[in-house]
Amino acid sequence: MSDNVIEFPGGSEDCELQFIPLRRISVSFGRTINLGNYESAKIQVGYETDLQEDANHDEEYNKAWEIVMEQVEKVEKEIAG
């Protein structure tokens, strides 16, 4: 059997296999918050995602950045009480 034939129950189908390389973007952000009385809290949030070759990298980067900043804001609110 050739590599480009997929077997299905009741028959087979000829197909063309394509491998699309993936790319990865990574976004991270850190912030130190002064809690007073010589205490501080450090927040570090990161996000990584795989992109297909035809993805709009600017749009995907902006989405990743939004995800990171939403998490930072969430943690800041928890710390602030």
PDB file of N, CA and C in Angstrom:
ATOM      1  N   MET A   1       0.854  -1.182   0.000  1.00  0.00           N
ATOM      2  CA  MET A   1       0.000   0.000   0.000  1.00  0.00           C
ATOM      3  C   MET A   1       0.893   1.236   0.000  1.00  0.00           C
ATOM      4  N   SER A   2       0.539   2.218  -0.808  1.00  0.00           N
ATOM      5  CA  SER A   2       1.339   3.440  -0.864  1.00  0.00           C
ATOM      6  C   SER A   2       1.036   4.318   0.353  1.00  0.00           C
ATOM      7  N   ASP A   3       1.926   5.277   0.609  1.00  0.00           N
ATOM      8  CA  ASP A   3       1.771   6.157   1.768  1.00  0.00           C
ATOM      9  C   ASP A   3       0.606   7.125   1.636  1.00  0.00           C
ATOM     10  N   ASN A   4       0.122   7.315   0.419  1.00  0.00           N
ATOM     11  CA  ASN A   4      -0.938   8.308   0.253  1.00  0.00           C
ATOM     12  C   ASN A   4      -2.324   7.684   0.070  1.00  0.00           C
ATOM     13  N   VAL A   5      -2.491   6.445   0.538  1.00  0.00           N
ATOM     14  CA  VAL A   5      -3.795   5.795   0.511  1.00  0.00           C
ATOM     15  C   VAL A   5      -4.222   5.549   1.951  1.00  0.00           C
ATOM     16  N   ILE A   6      -5.417   6.011   2.278  1.00  0.00           N
ATOM     17  CA  ILE A   6      -5.960   5.825   3.626  1.00  0.00           C
ATOM     18  C   ILE A   6      -7.011   4.740   3.561  1.00  0.00           C
ATOM     19  N   GLU A   7      -6.890   3.737   4.428  1.00  0.00           N
ATOM     20  CA  GLU A   7      -7.850   2.634   4.478  1.00  0.00           C
ATOM     21  C   GLU A   7      -9.023   3.009   5.382  1.00  0.00           C
ATOM     22  N   PHE A   8     -10.220   2.842   4.873  1.00  0.00           N
ATOM     23  CA  PHE A   8     -11.443   3.048   5.627  1.00  0.00           C
ATOM     24  C   PHE A   8     -12.195   1.730   5.660  1.00  0.00           C
ATOM     25  N   PRO A   9     -13.030   1.492   6.663  1.00  0.00           N
ATOM     26  CA  PRO A   9     -13.865   0.289   6.642  1.00  0.00           C
ATOM     27  C   PRO A   9     -14.710   0.280   5.367  1.00  0.00           C
ATOM     28  N   GLY A  10     -14.622  -0.773   4.616  1.00  0.00           N
ATOM     29  CA  GLY A  10     -15.404  -0.884   3.389  1.00  0.00           C
ATOM     30  C   GLY A  10     -14.723  -0.297   2.170  1.00  0.00           C
ATOM     31  N   GLY A  11     -13.481   0.137   2.273  1.00  0.00           N
ATOM     32  CA  GLY A  11     -12.796   0.662   1.097  1.00  0.00           C
ATOM     33  C   GLY A  11     -11.573   1.473   1.461  1.00  0.00           C
ATOM     34  N   SER A  12     -11.031   2.117   0.476  1.00  0.00           N
ATOM     35  CA  SER A  12      -9.871   2.968   0.707  1.00  0.00           C
ATOM     36  C   SER A  12     -10.015   4.221  -0.138  1.00  0.00           C
ATOM     37  N   GLU A  13      -9.257   5.225   0.205  1.00  0.00           N
ATOM     38  CA  GLU A  13      -9.333   6.470  -0.537  1.00  0.00           C
ATOM     39  C   GLU A  13      -7.931   6.984  -0.770  1.00  0.00           C
ATOM     40  N   ASP A  14      -7.667   7.388  -2.004  1.00  0.00           N
ATOM     41  CA  ASP A  14      -6.390   7.967  -2.361  1.00  0.00           C
ATOM     42  C   ASP A  14      -6.414   9.437  -1.941  1.00  0.00           C
ATOM     43  N   CYS A  15      -5.356   9.875  -1.328  1.00  0.00           N
ATOM     44  CA  CYS A  15      -5.320  11.269  -0.881  1.00  0.00           C
ATOM     45  C   CYS A  15      -3.905  11.804  -0.994  1.00  0.00           C
ATOM     46  N   GLU A  16      -3.791  13.097  -0.962  1.00  0.00           N
ATOM     47  CA  GLU A  16      -2.488  13.745  -0.967  1.00  0.00           C
ATOM     48  C   GLU A  16      -2.224  14.237   0.448  1.00  0.00           C
ATOM     49  N   LEU A  17      -1.100  13.822   1.009  1.00  0.00           N
ATOM     50  CA  LEU A  17      -0.750  14.234   2.358  1.00  0.00           C
ATOM     51  C   LEU A  17       0.097  15.488   2.304  1.00  0.00           C
ATOM     52  N   GLN A  18      -0.247  16.457   3.136  1.00  0.00           N
ATOM     53  CA  GLN A  18       0.525  17.684   3.223  1.00  0.00           C
ATOM     54  C   GLN A  18       0.885  17.923   4.676  1.00  0.00           C
ATOM     55  N   PHE A  19       2.120  18.237   4.909  1.00  0.00           N
ATOM     56  CA  PHE A  19       2.563  18.554   6.249  1.00  0.00           C
ATOM     57  C   PHE A  19       2.831  20.049   6.315  1.00  0.00           C
ATOM     58  N   ILE A  20       2.097  20.717   7.180  1.00  0.00           N
ATOM     59  CA  ILE A  20       2.230  22.159   7.325  1.00  0.00           C
ATOM     60  C   ILE A  20       3.099  22.424   8.554  1.00  0.00           C
ATOM     61  N   PRO A  21       4.238  23.049   8.356  1.00  0.00           N
ATOM     62  CA  PRO A  21       5.099  23.320   9.508  1.00  0.00           C
ATOM     63  C   PRO A  21       4.431  24.297  10.469  1.00  0.00           C
ATOM     64  N   LEU A  22       4.646  24.053  11.728  1.00  0.00           N
ATOM     65  CA  LEU A  22       4.088  24.933  12.753  1.00  0.00           C
ATOM     66  C   LEU A  22       5.155  25.896  13.230  1.00  0.00           C
ATOM     67  N   ARG A  23       4.714  27.043  13.652  1.00  0.00           N
ATOM     68  CA  ARG A  23       5.591  28.025  14.262  1.00  0.00           C
ATOM     69  C   ARG A  23       5.030  28.328  15.634  1.00  0.00           C
ATOM     70  N   ARG A  24       5.887  28.736  16.511  1.00  0.00           N
ATOM     71  CA  ARG A  24       5.477  28.988  17.888  1.00  0.00           C
ATOM     72  C   ARG A  24       5.766  30.439  18.238  1.00  0.00           C
ATOM     73  N   ILE A  25       4.787  31.063  18.896  1.00  0.00           N
ATOM     74  CA  ILE A  25       5.034  32.386  19.461  1.00  0.00           C
ATOM     75  C   ILE A  25       4.908  32.279  20.965  1.00  0.00           C
ATOM     76  N   SER A  26       5.622  33.139  21.626  1.00  0.00           N
ATOM     77  CA  SER A  26       5.629  33.146  23.079  1.00  0.00           C
ATOM     78  C   SER A  26       5.564  34.590  23.553  1.00  0.00           C
ATOM     79  N   VAL A  27       4.702  34.834  24.543  1.00  0.00           N
ATOM     80  CA  VAL A  27       4.549  36.165  25.123  1.00  0.00           C
ATOM     81  C   VAL A  27       4.640  36.015  26.631  1.00  0.00           C
ATOM     82  N   SER A  28       5.395  36.892  27.261  1.00  0.00           N
ATOM     83  CA  SER A  28       5.438  36.868  28.727  1.00  0.00           C
ATOM     84  C   SER A  28       5.530  38.297  29.252  1.00  0.00           C
ATOM     85  N   PHE A  29       5.059  38.464  30.476  1.00  0.00           N
ATOM     86  CA  PHE A  29       5.039  39.788  31.097  1.00  0.00           C
ATOM     87  C   PHE A  29       5.246  39.604  32.587  1.00  0.00           C
ATOM     88  N   GLY A  30       6.055  40.452  33.175  1.00  0.00           N
ATOM     89  CA  GLY A  30       6.295  40.402  34.612  1.00  0.00           C
ATOM     90  C   GLY A  30       6.113  41.774  35.229  1.00  0.00           C
ATOM     91  N   ARG A  31       5.667  41.765  36.460  1.00  0.00           N
ATOM     92  CA  ARG A  31       5.447  43.018  37.175  1.00  0.00           C
ATOM     93  C   ARG A  31       5.681  42.764  38.664  1.00  0.00           C
ATOM     94  N   THR A  32       6.304  43.719  39.321  1.00  0.00           N
ATOM     95  CA  THR A  32       6.480  43.665  40.774  1.00  0.00           C
ATOM     96  C   THR A  32       5.590  44.728  41.394  1.00  0.00           C
ATOM     97  N   ILE A  33       4.802  44.318  42.368  1.00  0.00           N
ATOM     98  CA  ILE A  33       3.850  45.224  43.025  1.00  0.00           C
ATOM     99  C   ILE A  33       4.314  45.482  44.449  1.00  0.00           C
ATOM    100  N   ASN A  34       4.410  46.752  44.808  1.00  0.00           N
ATOM    101  CA  ASN A  34       4.788  47.136  46.160  1.00  0.00           C
ATOM    102  C   ASN A  34       3.574  46.948  47.065  1.00  0.00           C
ATOM    103  N   LEU A  35       3.707  46.106  48.074  1.00  0.00           N
ATOM    104  CA  LEU A  35       2.615  45.849  49.014  1.00  0.00           C
ATOM    105  C   LEU A  35       2.722  46.718  50.261  1.00  0.00           C
ATOM    106  N   GLY A  36       3.768  47.522  50.338  1.00  0.00           N
ATOM    107  CA  GLY A  36       3.980  48.352  51.518  1.00  0.00           C
ATOM    108  C   GLY A  36       4.719  47.566  52.589  1.00  0.00           C
ATOM    109  N   ASN A  37       5.196  48.277  53.599  1.00  0.00           N
ATOM    110  CA  ASN A  37       5.882  47.650  54.722  1.00  0.00           C
ATOM    111  C   ASN A  37       7.033  46.760  54.246  1.00  0.00           C
ATOM    112  N   TYR A  38       7.749  47.222  53.218  1.00  0.00           N
ATOM    113  CA  TYR A  38       8.915  46.520  52.657  1.00  0.00           C
ATOM    114  C   TYR A  38       8.583  45.144  52.084  1.00  0.00           C
ATOM    115  N   GLU A  39       7.362  44.950  51.646  1.00  0.00           N
ATOM    116  CA  GLU A  39       6.958  43.689  51.022  1.00  0.00           C
ATOM    117  C   GLU A  39       6.549  43.949  49.575  1.00  0.00           C
ATOM    118  N   SER A  40       6.738  42.940  48.750  1.00  0.00           N
ATOM    119  CA  SER A  40       6.331  43.058  47.352  1.00  0.00           C
ATOM    120  C   SER A  40       5.861  41.692  46.847  1.00  0.00           C
ATOM    121  N   ALA A  41       5.130  41.738  45.758  1.00  0.00           N
ATOM    122  CA  ALA A  41       4.667  40.509  45.096  1.00  0.00           C
ATOM    123  C   ALA A  41       5.074  40.606  43.631  1.00  0.00           C
ATOM    124  N   LYS A  42       5.631  39.536  43.121  1.00  0.00           N
ATOM    125  CA  LYS A  42       6.038  39.516  41.720  1.00  0.00           C
ATOM    126  C   LYS A  42       5.091  38.626  40.937  1.00  0.00           C
ATOM    127  N   ILE A  43       4.576  39.169  39.842  1.00  0.00           N
ATOM    128  CA  ILE A  43       3.676  38.428  38.949  1.00  0.00           C
ATOM    129  C   ILE A  43       4.441  38.157  37.657  1.00  0.00           C
ATOM    130  N   GLN A  44       4.426  36.920  37.213  1.00  0.00           N
ATOM    131  CA  GLN A  44       5.033  36.556  35.938  1.00  0.00           C
ATOM    132  C   GLN A  44       4.047  35.660  35.202  1.00  0.00           C
ATOM    133  N   VAL A  45       3.584  36.097  34.031  1.00  0.00           N
ATOM    134  CA  VAL A  45       2.611  35.336  33.249  1.00  0.00           C
ATOM    135  C   VAL A  45       3.182  35.129  31.852  1.00  0.00           C
ATOM    136  N   GLY A  46       3.057  33.908  31.351  1.00  0.00           N
ATOM    137  CA  GLY A  46       3.518  33.613  30.002  1.00  0.00           C
ATOM    138  C   GLY A  46       2.497  32.783  29.252  1.00  0.00           C
ATOM    139  N   TYR A  47       2.571  32.858  27.938  1.00  0.00           N
ATOM    140  CA  TYR A  47       1.656  32.109  27.074  1.00  0.00           C
ATOM    141  C   TYR A  47       2.396  31.732  25.802  1.00  0.00           C
ATOM    142  N   GLU A  48       2.274  30.475  25.386  1.00  0.00           N
ATOM    143  CA  GLU A  48       2.868  30.001  24.142  1.00  0.00           C
ATOM    144  C   GLU A  48       1.790  29.331  23.314  1.00  0.00           C
ATOM    145  N   THR A  49       1.897  29.470  22.002  1.00  0.00           N
ATOM    146  CA  THR A  49       0.945  28.815  21.117  1.00  0.00           C
ATOM    147  C   THR A  49       1.634  28.473  19.802  1.00  0.00           C
ATOM    148  N   ASP A  50       1.180  27.411  19.182  1.00  0.00           N
ATOM    149  CA  ASP A  50       1.679  27.012  17.870  1.00  0.00           C
ATOM    150  C   ASP A  50       0.827  27.669  16.791  1.00  0.00           C
ATOM    151  N   LEU A  51       1.477  28.123  15.733  1.00  0.00           N
ATOM    152  CA  LEU A  51       0.788  28.765  14.625  1.00  0.00           C
ATOM    153  C   LEU A  51       1.010  27.974  13.349  1.00  0.00           C
ATOM    154  N   GLN A  52      -0.009  27.913  12.547  1.00  0.00           N
ATOM    155  CA  GLN A  52       0.185  27.335  11.228  1.00  0.00           C
ATOM    156  C   GLN A  52       0.851  28.375  10.339  1.00  0.00           C
ATOM    157  N   GLU A  53       1.484  27.896   9.297  1.00  0.00           N
ATOM    158  CA  GLU A  53       2.270  28.773   8.435  1.00  0.00           C
ATOM    159  C   GLU A  53       1.451  29.919   7.849  1.00  0.00           C
ATOM    160  N   ASP A  54       0.186  29.672   7.559  1.00  0.00           N
ATOM    161  CA  ASP A  54      -0.634  30.710   6.926  1.00  0.00           C
ATOM    162  C   ASP A  54      -1.306  31.649   7.929  1.00  0.00           C
ATOM    163  N   ALA A  55      -1.020  31.499   9.210  1.00  0.00           N
ATOM    164  CA  ALA A  55      -1.636  32.350  10.236  1.00  0.00           C
ATOM    165  C   ALA A  55      -1.095  33.775  10.136  1.00  0.00           C
ATOM    166  N   ASN A  56      -1.926  34.722  10.492  1.00  0.00           N
ATOM    167  CA  ASN A  56      -1.503  36.116  10.569  1.00  0.00           C
ATOM    168  C   ASN A  56      -0.774  36.294  11.897  1.00  0.00           C
ATOM    169  N   HIS A  57       0.529  36.421  11.836  1.00  0.00           N
ATOM    170  CA  HIS A  57       1.332  36.443  13.059  1.00  0.00           C
ATOM    171  C   HIS A  57       1.026  37.650  13.934  1.00  0.00           C
ATOM    172  N   ASP A  58       0.755  38.790  13.332  1.00  0.00           N
ATOM    173  CA  ASP A  58       0.433  39.977  14.135  1.00  0.00           C
ATOM    174  C   ASP A  58      -0.862  39.777  14.919  1.00  0.00           C
ATOM    175  N   GLU A  59      -1.874  39.228  14.270  1.00  0.00           N
ATOM    176  CA  GLU A  59      -3.150  38.976  14.956  1.00  0.00           C
ATOM    177  C   GLU A  59      -2.968  37.960  16.075  1.00  0.00           C
ATOM    178  N   GLU A  60      -2.244  36.897  15.807  1.00  0.00           N
ATOM    179  CA  GLU A  60      -2.038  35.861  16.819  1.00  0.00           C
ATOM    180  C   GLU A  60      -1.210  36.388  17.986  1.00  0.00           C
ATOM    181  N   TYR A  61      -0.222  37.216  17.692  1.00  0.00           N
ATOM    182  CA  TYR A  61       0.582  37.820  18.747  1.00  0.00           C
ATOM    183  C   TYR A  61      -0.286  38.719  19.626  1.00  0.00           C
ATOM    184  N   ASN A  62      -1.149  39.524  18.996  1.00  0.00           N
ATOM    185  CA  ASN A  62      -2.038  40.407  19.763  1.00  0.00           C
ATOM    186  C   ASN A  62      -3.002  39.611  20.637  1.00  0.00           C
ATOM    187  N   LYS A  63      -3.520  38.491  20.124  1.00  0.00           N
ATOM    188  CA  LYS A  63      -4.400  37.632  20.930  1.00  0.00           C
ATOM    189  C   LYS A  63      -3.646  37.075  22.138  1.00  0.00           C
ATOM    190  N   ALA A  64      -2.414  36.611  21.895  1.00  0.00           N
ATOM    191  CA  ALA A  64      -1.606  36.066  22.989  1.00  0.00           C
ATOM    192  C   ALA A  64      -1.330  37.143  24.038  1.00  0.00           C
ATOM    193  N   TRP A  65      -1.019  38.351  23.574  1.00  0.00           N
ATOM    194  CA  TRP A  65      -0.759  39.451  24.492  1.00  0.00           C
ATOM    195  C   TRP A  65      -1.994  39.769  25.334  1.00  0.00           C
ATOM    196  N   GLU A  66      -3.178  39.759  24.723  1.00  0.00           N
ATOM    197  CA  GLU A  66      -4.424  40.006  25.465  1.00  0.00           C
ATOM    198  C   GLU A  66      -4.637  38.943  26.540  1.00  0.00           C
ATOM    199  N   ILE A  67      -4.378  37.687  26.206  1.00  0.00           N
ATOM    200  CA  ILE A  67      -4.534  36.596  27.177  1.00  0.00           C
ATOM    201  C   ILE A  67      -3.617  36.822  28.366  1.00  0.00           C
ATOM    202  N   VAL A  68      -2.363  37.169  28.097  1.00  0.00           N
ATOM    203  CA  VAL A  68      -1.396  37.398  29.175  1.00  0.00           C
ATOM    204  C   VAL A  68      -1.829  38.568  30.049  1.00  0.00           C
ATOM    205  N   MET A  69      -2.196  39.673  29.444  1.00  0.00           N
ATOM    206  CA  MET A  69      -2.548  40.855  30.228  1.00  0.00           C
ATOM    207  C   MET A  69      -3.835  40.652  31.034  1.00  0.00           C
ATOM    208  N   GLU A  70      -4.784  39.881  30.506  1.00  0.00           N
ATOM    209  CA  GLU A  70      -5.990  39.555  31.276  1.00  0.00           C
ATOM    210  C   GLU A  70      -5.626  38.776  32.532  1.00  0.00           C
ATOM    211  N   GLN A  71      -4.691  37.857  32.410  1.00  0.00           N
ATOM    212  CA  GLN A  71      -4.269  37.067  33.570  1.00  0.00           C
ATOM    213  C   GLN A  71      -3.513  37.931  34.581  1.00  0.00           C
ATOM    214  N   VAL A  72      -2.680  38.840  34.090  1.00  0.00           N
ATOM    215  CA  VAL A  72      -1.961  39.747  34.988  1.00  0.00           C
ATOM    216  C   VAL A  72      -2.958  40.585  35.775  1.00  0.00           C
ATOM    217  N   GLU A  73      -3.946  41.155  35.097  1.00  0.00           N
ATOM    218  CA  GLU A  73      -4.949  41.974  35.767  1.00  0.00           C
ATOM    219  C   GLU A  73      -5.731  41.163  36.789  1.00  0.00           C
ATOM    220  N   LYS A  74      -6.056  39.916  36.458  1.00  0.00           N
ATOM    221  CA  LYS A  74      -6.781  39.046  37.378  1.00  0.00           C
ATOM    222  C   LYS A  74      -5.978  38.808  38.652  1.00  0.00           C
ATOM    223  N   VAL A  75      -4.693  38.520  38.493  1.00  0.00           N
ATOM    224  CA  VAL A  75      -3.844  38.274  39.666  1.00  0.00           C
ATOM    225  C   VAL A  75      -3.664  39.549  40.472  1.00  0.00           C
ATOM    226  N   GLU A  76      -3.511  40.695  39.798  1.00  0.00           N
ATOM    227  CA  GLU A  76      -3.375  41.967  40.521  1.00  0.00           C
ATOM    228  C   GLU A  76      -4.601  42.233  41.391  1.00  0.00           C
ATOM    229  N   LYS A  77      -5.781  41.953  40.864  1.00  0.00           N
ATOM    230  CA  LYS A  77      -7.015  42.150  41.641  1.00  0.00           C
ATOM    231  C   LYS A  77      -7.052  41.222  42.844  1.00  0.00           C
ATOM    232  N   GLU A  78      -6.602  39.997  42.669  1.00  0.00           N
ATOM    233  CA  GLU A  78      -6.564  39.050  43.791  1.00  0.00           C
ATOM    234  C   GLU A  78      -5.604  39.531  44.879  1.00  0.00           C
ATOM    235  N   ILE A  79      -4.470  40.082  44.464  1.00  0.00           N
ATOM    236  CA  ILE A  79      -3.492  40.563  45.437  1.00  0.00           C
ATOM    237  C   ILE A  79      -4.014  41.788  46.164  1.00  0.00           C
ATOM    238  N   ALA A  80      -4.685  42.677  45.419  1.00  0.00           N
ATOM    239  CA  ALA A  80      -5.212  43.903  46.008  1.00  0.00           C
ATOM    240  C   ALA A  80      -6.342  43.613  46.982  1.00  0.00           C
ATOM    241  N   GLY A  81      -6.996  42.468  46.776  1.00  0.00           N
ATOM    242  CA  GLY A  81      -8.082  42.063  47.664  1.00  0.00           C
ATOM    243  C   GLY A  81      -9.311  42.780  47.380  1.00  0.00           C
TER     244      GLY A  81
END
